[in-house]
Amino acid sequence: MATSAQAKKKSARTPSGRKRARQNVKLNAANSAMRSRFRTAVKSVRKAIAGGDKAAAQEAFKAATPVLDSIARKGLFHPNKAARDKSRLSAALKAMAA
């Protein structure tokens, strides 16, 4: 169904509309890549925590923190979401030590 809906989509008529469509394609690709980096970073920390290797989990958390910060700074996610995710990962690391 999604393909038929996309096929019926009209193309932009004005030059500014065509430019905007080109920009949207580039921005969508960039946002998708950043979102993927975010998910991968969080997943690697969770996997290290589940594995029980504290040193690897801390390294993964250290690597994930700048990724979360940059995504919040660029406006892909709300800053509170990045802070919440960092907080939860940090709490999981601390719980691992106990």
PDB file of N, CA and C in Angstrom:
ATOM      1  N   MET A   1       0.813  -1.201   0.000  1.00  0.00           N
ATOM      2  CA  MET A   1       0.000   0.000   0.000  1.00  0.00           C
ATOM      3  C   MET A   1       0.853   1.260   0.000  1.00  0.00           C
ATOM      4  N   ALA A   2       1.957   1.244   0.711  1.00  0.00           N
ATOM      5  CA  ALA A   2       2.801   2.426   0.819  1.00  0.00           C
ATOM      6  C   ALA A   2       3.366   2.828  -0.537  1.00  0.00           C
ATOM      7  N   THR A   3       3.687   1.842  -1.367  1.00  0.00           N
ATOM      8  CA  THR A   3       4.263   2.165  -2.669  1.00  0.00           C
ATOM      9  C   THR A   3       3.249   2.852  -3.564  1.00  0.00           C
ATOM     10  N   SER A   4       1.980   2.432  -3.509  1.00  0.00           N
ATOM     11  CA  SER A   4       0.970   3.061  -4.352  1.00  0.00           C
ATOM     12  C   SER A   4       0.702   4.496  -3.880  1.00  0.00           C
ATOM     13  N   ALA A   5       0.771   4.720  -2.574  1.00  0.00           N
ATOM     14  CA  ALA A   5       0.562   6.071  -2.049  1.00  0.00           C
ATOM     15  C   ALA A   5       1.703   6.986  -2.469  1.00  0.00           C
ATOM     16  N   GLN A   6       2.910   6.434  -2.484  1.00  0.00           N
ATOM     17  CA  GLN A   6       4.054   7.239  -2.895  1.00  0.00           C
ATOM     18  C   GLN A   6       4.023   7.508  -4.391  1.00  0.00           C
ATOM     19  N   ALA A   7       3.505   6.575  -5.170  1.00  0.00           N
ATOM     20  CA  ALA A   7       3.448   6.739  -6.611  1.00  0.00           C
ATOM     21  C   ALA A   7       2.487   7.867  -6.990  1.00  0.00           C
ATOM     22  N   LYS A   8       1.442   8.071  -6.193  1.00  0.00           N
ATOM     23  CA  LYS A   8       0.460   9.112  -6.476  1.00  0.00           C
ATOM     24  C   LYS A   8       0.931  10.499  -6.045  1.00  0.00           C
ATOM     25  N   LYS A   9       2.040  10.556  -5.306  1.00  0.00           N
ATOM     26  CA  LYS A   9       2.558  11.826  -4.823  1.00  0.00           C
ATOM     27  C   LYS A   9       2.914  12.731  -5.998  1.00  0.00           C
ATOM     28  N   LYS A  10       2.507  13.976  -5.942  1.00  0.00           N
ATOM     29  CA  LYS A  10       2.801  14.904  -7.028  1.00  0.00           C
ATOM     30  C   LYS A  10       4.177  15.518  -6.819  1.00  0.00           C
ATOM     31  N   SER A  11       4.855  15.782  -7.910  1.00  0.00           N
ATOM     32  CA  SER A  11       6.162  16.419  -7.800  1.00  0.00           C
ATOM     33  C   SER A  11       5.978  17.929  -7.673  1.00  0.00           C
ATOM     34  N   ALA A  12       6.989  18.562  -7.133  1.00  0.00           N
ATOM     35  CA  ALA A  12       6.931  20.013  -6.937  1.00  0.00           C
ATOM     36  C   ALA A  12       6.940  20.719  -8.288  1.00  0.00           C
ATOM     37  N   ARG A  13       6.215  21.815  -8.358  1.00  0.00           N
ATOM     38  CA  ARG A  13       6.110  22.538  -9.625  1.00  0.00           C
ATOM     39  C   ARG A  13       7.066  23.722  -9.690  1.00  0.00           C
ATOM     40  N   THR A  14       7.179  24.449  -8.614  1.00  0.00           N
ATOM     41  CA  THR A  14       8.005  25.656  -8.645  1.00  0.00           C
ATOM     42  C   THR A  14       9.479  25.300  -8.442  1.00  0.00           C
ATOM     43  N   PRO A  15      10.371  26.153  -8.911  1.00  0.00           N
ATOM     44  CA  PRO A  15      11.801  25.891  -8.702  1.00  0.00           C
ATOM     45  C   PRO A  15      12.166  25.780  -7.221  1.00  0.00           C
ATOM     46  N   SER A  16      11.561  26.626  -6.403  1.00  0.00           N
ATOM     47  CA  SER A  16      11.856  26.569  -4.965  1.00  0.00           C
ATOM     48  C   SER A  16      11.326  25.274  -4.357  1.00  0.00           C
ATOM     49  N   GLY A  17      10.195  24.805  -4.857  1.00  0.00           N
ATOM     50  CA  GLY A  17       9.633  23.545  -4.380  1.00  0.00           C
ATOM     51  C   GLY A  17      10.494  22.362  -4.770  1.00  0.00           C
ATOM     52  N   ARG A  18      11.033  22.406  -5.999  1.00  0.00           N
ATOM     53  CA  ARG A  18      11.925  21.329  -6.444  1.00  0.00           C
ATOM     54  C   ARG A  18      13.203  21.309  -5.621  1.00  0.00           C
ATOM     55  N   LYS A  19      13.719  22.503  -5.333  1.00  0.00           N
ATOM     56  CA  LYS A  19      14.933  22.590  -4.506  1.00  0.00           C
ATOM     57  C   LYS A  19      14.642  22.043  -3.106  1.00  0.00           C
ATOM     58  N   ARG A  20      13.502  22.400  -2.564  1.00  0.00           N
ATOM     59  CA  ARG A  20      13.131  21.942  -1.225  1.00  0.00           C
ATOM     60  C   ARG A  20      13.020  20.413  -1.203  1.00  0.00           C
ATOM     61  N   ALA A  21      12.484  19.832  -2.267  1.00  0.00           N
ATOM     62  CA  ALA A  21      12.366  18.374  -2.351  1.00  0.00           C
ATOM     63  C   ALA A  21      13.751  17.733  -2.365  1.00  0.00           C
ATOM     64  N   ARG A  22      14.688  18.341  -3.107  1.00  0.00           N
ATOM     65  CA  ARG A  22      16.067  17.820  -3.132  1.00  0.00           C
ATOM     66  C   ARG A  22      16.687  17.916  -1.745  1.00  0.00           C
ATOM     67  N   GLN A  23      16.482  19.032  -1.081  1.00  0.00           N
ATOM     68  CA  GLN A  23      17.048  19.224   0.259  1.00  0.00           C
ATOM     69  C   GLN A  23      16.455  18.214   1.240  1.00  0.00           C
ATOM     70  N   ASN A  24      15.149  17.954   1.107  1.00  0.00           N
ATOM     71  CA  ASN A  24      14.493  17.016   2.010  1.00  0.00           C
ATOM     72  C   ASN A  24      15.065  15.615   1.879  1.00  0.00           C
ATOM     73  N   VAL A  25      15.424  15.222   0.663  1.00  0.00           N
ATOM     74  CA  VAL A  25      16.016  13.900   0.450  1.00  0.00           C
ATOM     75  C   VAL A  25      17.352  13.814   1.183  1.00  0.00           C
ATOM     76  N   LYS A  26      18.173  14.867   1.052  1.00  0.00           N
ATOM     77  CA  LYS A  26      19.486  14.880   1.711  1.00  0.00           C
ATOM     78  C   LYS A  26      19.343  14.904   3.228  1.00  0.00           C
ATOM     79  N   LEU A  27      18.431  15.740   3.719  1.00  0.00           N
ATOM     80  CA  LEU A  27      18.237  15.852   5.160  1.00  0.00           C
ATOM     81  C   LEU A  27      17.692  14.556   5.751  1.00  0.00           C
ATOM     82  N   ASN A  28      16.804  13.904   5.014  1.00  0.00           N
ATOM     83  CA  ASN A  28      16.235  12.643   5.486  1.00  0.00           C
ATOM     84  C   ASN A  28      17.328  11.590   5.596  1.00  0.00           C
ATOM     85  N   ALA A  29      18.229  11.559   4.620  1.00  0.00           N
ATOM     86  CA  ALA A  29      19.334  10.591   4.659  1.00  0.00           C
ATOM     87  C   ALA A  29      20.258  10.871   5.834  1.00  0.00           C
ATOM     88  N   ALA A  30      20.562  12.142   6.073  1.00  0.00           N
ATOM     89  CA  ALA A  30      21.444  12.512   7.178  1.00  0.00           C
ATOM     90  C   ALA A  30      20.801  12.183   8.520  1.00  0.00           C
ATOM     91  N   ASN A  31      19.510  12.490   8.656  1.00  0.00           N
ATOM     92  CA  ASN A  31      18.804  12.206   9.909  1.00  0.00           C
ATOM     93  C   ASN A  31      18.713  10.706  10.161  1.00  0.00           C
ATOM     94  N   SER A  32      18.479   9.941   9.105  1.00  0.00           N
ATOM     95  CA  SER A  32      18.402   8.488   9.250  1.00  0.00           C
ATOM     96  C   SER A  32      19.735   7.926   9.713  1.00  0.00           C
ATOM     97  N   ALA A  33      20.825   8.442   9.150  1.00  0.00           N
ATOM     98  CA  ALA A  33      22.158   7.975   9.535  1.00  0.00           C
ATOM     99  C   ALA A  33      22.444   8.308  10.996  1.00  0.00           C
ATOM    100  N   MET A  34      22.073   9.520  11.420  1.00  0.00           N
ATOM    101  CA  MET A  34      22.306   9.922  12.813  1.00  0.00           C
ATOM    102  C   MET A  34      21.462   9.082  13.773  1.00  0.00           C
ATOM    103  N   ARG A  35      20.214   8.837  13.386  1.00  0.00           N
ATOM    104  CA  ARG A  35      19.331   8.030  14.223  1.00  0.00           C
ATOM    105  C   ARG A  35      19.879   6.605  14.354  1.00  0.00           C
ATOM    106  N   SER A  36      20.443   6.094  13.277  1.00  0.00           N
ATOM    107  CA  SER A  36      21.041   4.758  13.294  1.00  0.00           C
ATOM    108  C   SER A  36      22.265   4.729  14.211  1.00  0.00           C
ATOM    109  N   ARG A  37      23.110   5.771  14.128  1.00  0.00           N
ATOM    110  CA  ARG A  37      24.279   5.862  15.014  1.00  0.00           C
ATOM    111  C   ARG A  37      23.854   5.870  16.473  1.00  0.00           C
ATOM    112  N   PHE A  38      22.773   6.601  16.764  1.00  0.00           N
ATOM    113  CA  PHE A  38      22.244   6.680  18.121  1.00  0.00           C
ATOM    114  C   PHE A  38      21.815   5.302  18.611  1.00  0.00           C
ATOM    115  N   ARG A  39      21.025   4.618  17.792  1.00  0.00           N
ATOM    116  CA  ARG A  39      20.510   3.305  18.196  1.00  0.00           C
ATOM    117  C   ARG A  39      21.639   2.304  18.376  1.00  0.00           C
ATOM    118  N   THR A  40      22.626   2.351  17.478  1.00  0.00           N
ATOM    119  CA  THR A  40      23.757   1.432  17.568  1.00  0.00           C
ATOM    120  C   THR A  40      24.559   1.678  18.834  1.00  0.00           C
ATOM    121  N   ALA A  41      24.775   2.948  19.171  1.00  0.00           N
ATOM    122  CA  ALA A  41      25.551   3.291  20.361  1.00  0.00           C
ATOM    123  C   ALA A  41      24.851   2.787  21.622  1.00  0.00           C
ATOM    124  N   VAL A  42      23.555   3.018  21.715  1.00  0.00           N
ATOM    125  CA  VAL A  42      22.796   2.583  22.892  1.00  0.00           C
ATOM    126  C   VAL A  42      22.776   1.062  22.971  1.00  0.00           C
ATOM    127  N   LYS A  43      22.599   0.422  21.807  1.00  0.00           N
ATOM    128  CA  LYS A  43      22.544  -1.038  21.769  1.00  0.00           C
ATOM    129  C   LYS A  43      23.868  -1.656  22.201  1.00  0.00           C
ATOM    130  N   SER A  44      24.988  -1.039  21.813  1.00  0.00           N
ATOM    131  CA  SER A  44      26.290  -1.586  22.186  1.00  0.00           C
ATOM    132  C   SER A  44      26.516  -1.507  23.693  1.00  0.00           C
ATOM    133  N   VAL A  45      26.043  -0.434  24.318  1.00  0.00           N
ATOM    134  CA  VAL A  45      26.160  -0.314  25.777  1.00  0.00           C
ATOM    135  C   VAL A  45      25.294  -1.368  26.456  1.00  0.00           C
ATOM    136  N   ARG A  46      24.053  -1.504  25.984  1.00  0.00           N
ATOM    137  CA  ARG A  46      23.147  -2.484  26.590  1.00  0.00           C
ATOM    138  C   ARG A  46      23.677  -3.905  26.430  1.00  0.00           C
ATOM    139  N   LYS A  47      24.274  -4.186  25.276  1.00  0.00           N
ATOM    140  CA  LYS A  47      24.818  -5.522  25.027  1.00  0.00           C
ATOM    141  C   LYS A  47      25.992  -5.802  25.954  1.00  0.00           C
ATOM    142  N   ALA A  48      26.857  -4.797  26.175  1.00  0.00           N
ATOM    143  CA  ALA A  48      27.998  -4.964  27.069  1.00  0.00           C
ATOM    144  C   ALA A  48      27.530  -5.165  28.510  1.00  0.00           C
ATOM    145  N   ILE A  49      26.492  -4.445  28.903  1.00  0.00           N
ATOM    146  CA  ILE A  49      25.942  -4.599  30.253  1.00  0.00           C
ATOM    147  C   ILE A  49      25.352  -5.997  30.419  1.00  0.00           C
ATOM    148  N   ALA A  50      24.622  -6.447  29.413  1.00  0.00           N
ATOM    149  CA  ALA A  50      24.019  -7.781  29.471  1.00  0.00           C
ATOM    150  C   ALA A  50      25.091  -8.868  29.494  1.00  0.00           C
ATOM    151  N   GLY A  51      26.214  -8.599  28.831  1.00  0.00           N
ATOM    152  CA  GLY A  51      27.319  -9.554  28.813  1.00  0.00           C
ATOM    153  C   GLY A  51      28.045  -9.658  30.131  1.00  0.00           C
ATOM    154  N   GLY A  52      27.895  -8.647  30.974  1.00  0.00           N
ATOM    155  CA  GLY A  52      28.510  -8.666  32.300  1.00  0.00           C
ATOM    156  C   GLY A  52      29.937  -8.152  32.340  1.00  0.00           C
ATOM    157  N   ASP A  53      30.439  -7.636  31.225  1.00  0.00           N
ATOM    158  CA  ASP A  53      31.801  -7.105  31.190  1.00  0.00           C
ATOM    159  C   ASP A  53      31.761  -5.615  31.523  1.00  0.00           C
ATOM    160  N   LYS A  54      32.133  -5.281  32.759  1.00  0.00           N
ATOM    161  CA  LYS A  54      32.011  -3.904  33.227  1.00  0.00           C
ATOM    162  C   LYS A  54      32.928  -2.956  32.475  1.00  0.00           C
ATOM    163  N   ALA A  55      34.165  -3.382  32.213  1.00  0.00           N
ATOM    164  CA  ALA A  55      35.115  -2.519  31.509  1.00  0.00           C
ATOM    165  C   ALA A  55      34.623  -2.209  30.094  1.00  0.00           C
ATOM    166  N   ALA A  56      34.141  -3.216  29.396  1.00  0.00           N
ATOM    167  CA  ALA A  56      33.627  -3.008  28.038  1.00  0.00           C
ATOM    168  C   ALA A  56      32.384  -2.124  28.061  1.00  0.00           C
ATOM    169  N   ALA A  57      31.553  -2.300  29.078  1.00  0.00           N
ATOM    170  CA  ALA A  57      30.340  -1.491  29.193  1.00  0.00           C
ATOM    171  C   ALA A  57      30.686  -0.027  29.431  1.00  0.00           C
ATOM    172  N   GLN A  58      31.699   0.220  30.277  1.00  0.00           N
ATOM    173  CA  GLN A  58      32.108   1.600  30.526  1.00  0.00           C
ATOM    174  C   GLN A  58      32.698   2.240  29.281  1.00  0.00           C
ATOM    175  N   GLU A  59      33.487   1.482  28.523  1.00  0.00           N
ATOM    176  CA  GLU A  59      34.055   2.005  27.277  1.00  0.00           C
ATOM    177  C   GLU A  59      32.952   2.312  26.270  1.00  0.00           C
ATOM    178  N   ALA A  60      31.983   1.423  26.171  1.00  0.00           N
ATOM    179  CA  ALA A  60      30.869   1.634  25.251  1.00  0.00           C
ATOM    180  C   ALA A  60      30.057   2.860  25.672  1.00  0.00           C
ATOM    181  N   PHE A  61      29.873   3.040  26.968  1.00  0.00           N
ATOM    182  CA  PHE A  61      29.146   4.205  27.472  1.00  0.00           C
ATOM    183  C   PHE A  61      29.903   5.493  27.160  1.00  0.00           C
ATOM    184  N   LYS A  62      31.239   5.442  27.340  1.00  0.00           N
ATOM    185  CA  LYS A  62      32.067   6.609  27.017  1.00  0.00           C
ATOM    186  C   LYS A  62      31.967   6.970  25.542  1.00  0.00           C
ATOM    187  N   ALA A  63      31.899   5.953  24.684  1.00  0.00           N
ATOM    188  CA  ALA A  63      31.781   6.190  23.247  1.00  0.00           C
ATOM    189  C   ALA A  63      30.371   6.661  22.871  1.00  0.00           C
ATOM    190  N   ALA A  64      29.363   6.207  23.606  1.00  0.00           N
ATOM    191  CA  ALA A  64      27.980   6.545  23.280  1.00  0.00           C
ATOM    192  C   ALA A  64      27.601   7.954  23.727  1.00  0.00           C
ATOM    193  N   THR A  65      28.221   8.436  24.791  1.00  0.00           N
ATOM    194  CA  THR A  65      27.850   9.747  25.340  1.00  0.00           C
ATOM    195  C   THR A  65      27.972  10.882  24.324  1.00  0.00           C
ATOM    196  N   PRO A  66      29.105  11.022  23.603  1.00  0.00           N
ATOM    197  CA  PRO A  66      29.173  12.105  22.619  1.00  0.00           C
ATOM    198  C   PRO A  66      28.179  11.950  21.476  1.00  0.00           C
ATOM    199  N   VAL A  67      27.839  10.730  21.127  1.00  0.00           N
ATOM    200  CA  VAL A  67      26.855  10.501  20.070  1.00  0.00           C
ATOM    201  C   VAL A  67      25.494  11.028  20.524  1.00  0.00           C
ATOM    202  N   LEU A  68      25.105  10.701  21.743  1.00  0.00           N
ATOM    203  CA  LEU A  68      23.828  11.179  22.273  1.00  0.00           C
ATOM    204  C   LEU A  68      23.812  12.701  22.367  1.00  0.00           C
ATOM    205  N   ASP A  69      24.917  13.276  22.818  1.00  0.00           N
ATOM    206  CA  ASP A  69      24.999  14.738  22.943  1.00  0.00           C
ATOM    207  C   ASP A  69      24.893  15.426  21.582  1.00  0.00           C
ATOM    208  N   SER A  70      25.590  14.886  20.582  1.00  0.00           N
ATOM    209  CA  SER A  70      25.587  15.544  19.272  1.00  0.00           C
ATOM    210  C   SER A  70      24.207  15.467  18.629  1.00  0.00           C
ATOM    211  N   ILE A  71      23.513  14.372  18.832  1.00  0.00           N
ATOM    212  CA  ILE A  71      22.174  14.236  18.260  1.00  0.00           C
ATOM    213  C   ILE A  71      21.203  15.209  18.922  1.00  0.00           C
ATOM    214  N   ALA A  72      21.365  15.416  20.225  1.00  0.00           N
ATOM    215  CA  ALA A  72      20.520  16.388  20.928  1.00  0.00           C
ATOM    216  C   ALA A  72      20.862  17.810  20.469  1.00  0.00           C
ATOM    217  N   ARG A  73      22.149  18.069  20.286  1.00  0.00           N
ATOM    218  CA  ARG A  73      22.590  19.404  19.866  1.00  0.00           C
ATOM    219  C   ARG A  73      22.084  19.744  18.461  1.00  0.00           C
ATOM    220  N   LYS A  74      22.036  18.745  17.594  1.00  0.00           N
ATOM    221  CA  LYS A  74      21.588  18.975  16.221  1.00  0.00           C
ATOM    222  C   LYS A  74      20.072  19.037  16.100  1.00  0.00           C
ATOM    223  N   GLY A  75      19.367  18.676  17.170  1.00  0.00           N
ATOM    224  CA  GLY A  75      17.916  18.809  17.171  1.00  0.00           C
ATOM    225  C   GLY A  75      17.175  17.602  16.641  1.00  0.00           C
ATOM    226  N   LEU A  76      17.868  16.490  16.446  1.00  0.00           N
ATOM    227  CA  LEU A  76      17.185  15.299  15.961  1.00  0.00           C
ATOM    228  C   LEU A  76      16.278  14.737  17.056  1.00  0.00           C
ATOM    229  N   PHE A  77      16.785  14.733  18.293  1.00  0.00           N
ATOM    230  CA  PHE A  77      15.999  14.345  19.456  1.00  0.00           C
ATOM    231  C   PHE A  77      16.010  15.507  20.434  1.00  0.00           C
ATOM    232  N   HIS A  78      15.020  15.543  21.283  1.00  0.00           N
ATOM    233  CA  HIS A  78      14.968  16.580  22.319  1.00  0.00           C
ATOM    234  C   HIS A  78      16.122  16.355  23.298  1.00  0.00           C
ATOM    235  N   PRO A  79      16.725  17.434  23.790  1.00  0.00           N
ATOM    236  CA  PRO A  79      17.830  17.284  24.751  1.00  0.00           C
ATOM    237  C   PRO A  79      17.455  16.457  25.979  1.00  0.00           C
ATOM    238  N   ASN A  80      16.189  16.547  26.403  1.00  0.00           N
ATOM    239  CA  ASN A  80      15.767  15.770  27.572  1.00  0.00           C
ATOM    240  C   ASN A  80      15.781  14.272  27.284  1.00  0.00           C
ATOM    241  N   LYS A  81      15.497  13.893  26.036  1.00  0.00           N
ATOM    242  CA  LYS A  81      15.529  12.472  25.672  1.00  0.00           C
ATOM    243  C   LYS A  81      16.964  11.953  25.750  1.00  0.00           C
ATOM    244  N   ALA A  82      17.913  12.731  25.252  1.00  0.00           N
ATOM    245  CA  ALA A  82      19.315  12.323  25.309  1.00  0.00           C
ATOM    246  C   ALA A  82      19.765  12.203  26.758  1.00  0.00           C
ATOM    247  N   ALA A  83      19.371  13.169  27.586  1.00  0.00           N
ATOM    248  CA  ALA A  83      19.741  13.147  29.005  1.00  0.00           C
ATOM    249  C   ALA A  83      19.116  11.949  29.703  1.00  0.00           C
ATOM    250  N   ARG A  84      17.866  11.658  29.366  1.00  0.00           N
ATOM    251  CA  ARG A  84      17.171  10.527  29.976  1.00  0.00           C
ATOM    252  C   ARG A  84      17.843   9.208  29.591  1.00  0.00           C
ATOM    253  N   ASP A  85      18.209   9.077  28.320  1.00  0.00           N
ATOM    254  CA  ASP A  85      18.870   7.848  27.874  1.00  0.00           C
ATOM    255  C   ASP A  85      20.232   7.683  28.525  1.00  0.00           C
ATOM    256  N   LYS A  86      20.997   8.774  28.624  1.00  0.00           N
ATOM    257  CA  LYS A  86      22.308   8.706  29.286  1.00  0.00           C
ATOM    258  C   LYS A  86      22.133   8.325  30.748  1.00  0.00           C
ATOM    259  N   SER A  87      21.132   8.900  31.390  1.00  0.00           N
ATOM    260  CA  SER A  87      20.882   8.624  32.801  1.00  0.00           C
ATOM    261  C   SER A  87      20.534   7.158  33.018  1.00  0.00           C
ATOM    262  N   ARG A  88      19.694   6.617  32.158  1.00  0.00           N
ATOM    263  CA  ARG A  88      19.283   5.216  32.300  1.00  0.00           C
ATOM    264  C   ARG A  88      20.447   4.261  32.051  1.00  0.00           C
ATOM    265  N   LEU A  89      21.280   4.594  31.054  1.00  0.00           N
ATOM    266  CA  LEU A  89      22.451   3.754  30.784  1.00  0.00           C
ATOM    267  C   LEU A  89      23.425   3.814  31.954  1.00  0.00           C
ATOM    268  N   SER A  90      23.616   5.014  32.496  1.00  0.00           N
ATOM    269  CA  SER A  90      24.512   5.193  33.633  1.00  0.00           C
ATOM    270  C   SER A  90      23.997   4.421  34.852  1.00  0.00           C
ATOM    271  N   ALA A  91      22.694   4.462  35.079  1.00  0.00           N
ATOM    272  CA  ALA A  91      22.100   3.742  36.200  1.00  0.00           C
ATOM    273  C   ALA A  91      22.278   2.238  36.021  1.00  0.00           C
ATOM    274  N   ALA A  92      22.150   1.773  34.789  1.00  0.00           N
ATOM    275  CA  ALA A  92      22.331   0.345  34.520  1.00  0.00           C
ATOM    276  C   ALA A  92      23.776  -0.063  34.770  1.00  0.00           C
ATOM    277  N   LEU A  93      24.736   0.816  34.439  1.00  0.00           N
ATOM    278  CA  LEU A  93      26.151   0.560  34.715  1.00  0.00           C
ATOM    279  C   LEU A  93      26.391   0.475  36.208  1.00  0.00           C
ATOM    280  N   LYS A  94      25.803   1.408  36.949  1.00  0.00           N
ATOM    281  CA  LYS A  94      25.982   1.414  38.406  1.00  0.00           C
ATOM    282  C   LYS A  94      25.342   0.186  39.052  1.00  0.00           C
ATOM    283  N   ALA A  95      24.201  -0.225  38.536  1.00  0.00           N
ATOM    284  CA  ALA A  95      23.511  -1.399  39.070  1.00  0.00           C
ATOM    285  C   ALA A  95      24.342  -2.659  38.803  1.00  0.00           C
ATOM    286  N   MET A  96      25.097  -2.633  37.730  1.00  0.00           N
ATOM    287  CA  MET A  96      25.946  -3.763  37.382  1.00  0.00           C
ATOM    288  C   MET A  96      27.054  -3.960  38.416  1.00  0.00           C
ATOM    289  N   ALA A  97      27.556  -2.867  38.958  1.00  0.00           N
ATOM    290  CA  ALA A  97      28.634  -2.939  39.954  1.00  0.00           C
ATOM    291  C   ALA A  97      28.117  -3.497  41.276  1.00  0.00           C
ATOM    292  N   ALA A  98      26.862  -3.203  41.587  1.00  0.00           N
ATOM    293  CA  ALA A  98      26.305  -3.634  42.879  1.00  0.00           C
ATOM    294  C   ALA A  98      25.946  -5.099  42.897  1.00  0.00           C
TER     295      ALA A  98
END
